[in-house]
Amino acid sequence: PAVATMAAAEGPGSGGGGGGGGGSPGAAGGNRQLKYISLAVLVVQNASLILSIRYVRTLPGDRFFATTAVVMAEVLKGATCLLLIFIQKQGNLKQFALFLYDSVVVQYVDTLKLAVPSLIYTLQNNLQYVAISNLPAATFQVTYQLKILTTAVFSVLMLRKSLSRLQWLSLLLLFAGVAIVQVEQQQAGSRPTSGGLEAQQSYLVGLVAVVVSCLSSGFAGVYFEKILKGSAASVWLRNVQLGIFGTLLGLLGLWSTEGPAVAQQGFFFGYTPLVWGVILNQAFGGLLVAVVVKYADNILKGFATSFSIVVSTVASIYLFDFHLNLLFALGAGMVIGAVYLYSLPKGPSAGRPSSGAAGQLPGHTSLSKELPSVVTQGFLTKSVLVN
């Protein structure tokens, strides 16, 4: 989940960075250049993480423990956010320590609110490793777009947001496209395989993992957005709080599922430079996206997600011998179109929260323009920032 963080990074009045307005031609040109840079960063982050996880999880030899990778990503992300807060305090160690003590310990009730999304994000991070280990990268990338549907549903139910007719149509198109891809994959799975790696993978396990991950992504993203809208705390502080719970819960999950094996073989068993690259991508990729996404409007985010599906599919053909056929192309094309249509701007009267929600969400007009998990990232969002 970089999702909620991305939405939060825009902040009140930012308008997603894509709004027009006045300004000199030079400034307009600079903004346009920043948009293209943002597009490139979003696409690379979106596609590279999924492809790299799939690659390291399918290499022969010793396989690293996914639970340790989740913990390491949380530790690195939390440490980075602590460093950013320290820089904001101009290197004053006393102010830094007092700020953390007040924000995390004194205001413990506020900190405890992050326990729920942190638990869900930790579960989501582990499930994504399971899903990508059992599904082709292209199939995962397409299926994972169901998070848009789950986020939309939870946003309507929890935040009382309204969707335009075009958005509801795009969600229907999205579901149909994902269903077609699953039918194609089931047909492909019924064909005899050559054994080896494919024989060790379970399509059903991967599918269940990605669906549960999409449900958790939608709920956690909306819940986190609701917390952000009721607080003036910075995104970096929120990620430190998430990192505390995420690390503890990740270690608990590690102990309960792979504790004996990790104790016997070591925490860093199976780690290679490529594995460290995946962990660094998870930890810092979301932070990078959170910075650049303020320069990208919703249309650009939707285009980035769509283009990353194309990149993942093409790369899978060359890296993993993925076989592209007409049925998969049709389903993926419908998902790409649905993502783009969903990101199109709504009319002036559409998308406004109902009067009941308006009282709950003061001063956050820019956040009401989009649903939190839509701006992802295929990503994996993993914690709030991949994720």
Foldseek 3Di string as FASTA:
>chain_A
DLQLLLLPLLPFPLLQQADDDDDDPVVVVVLVVLQVVLLVLQLCLQQVLLVLLLQLLLDDDWHADQLLLLLLLLVLLLVVLLVVVCVVVVVDPVVSVVVCCCVPPVVVVLLVLLLVLLLLLLLLSSLSSLLSSFDQSLLLLLLLLCLQVLLVVCCCVPLVWFADPLLVVLNVLSVVLNVLLVVVVVVVVVDDDPDDSNVVHDNVSNNVSSVSSSNSSNNSSNSVNLSSLVDPDDSSSSSNSSSVSNNVSSVVVCCVPPVVVCVVQHSCPSDDPSSVVSSCSLNCSSVVSSVSSSSHALLSLLQSSLVSSVVNVVVCCVSVVDDDDDSNVVSSVSNSVSSNSNSDFDDPVHQDRPPVSPVSRPSRVSSSRDRRPSSDRSDSNRGNGSD
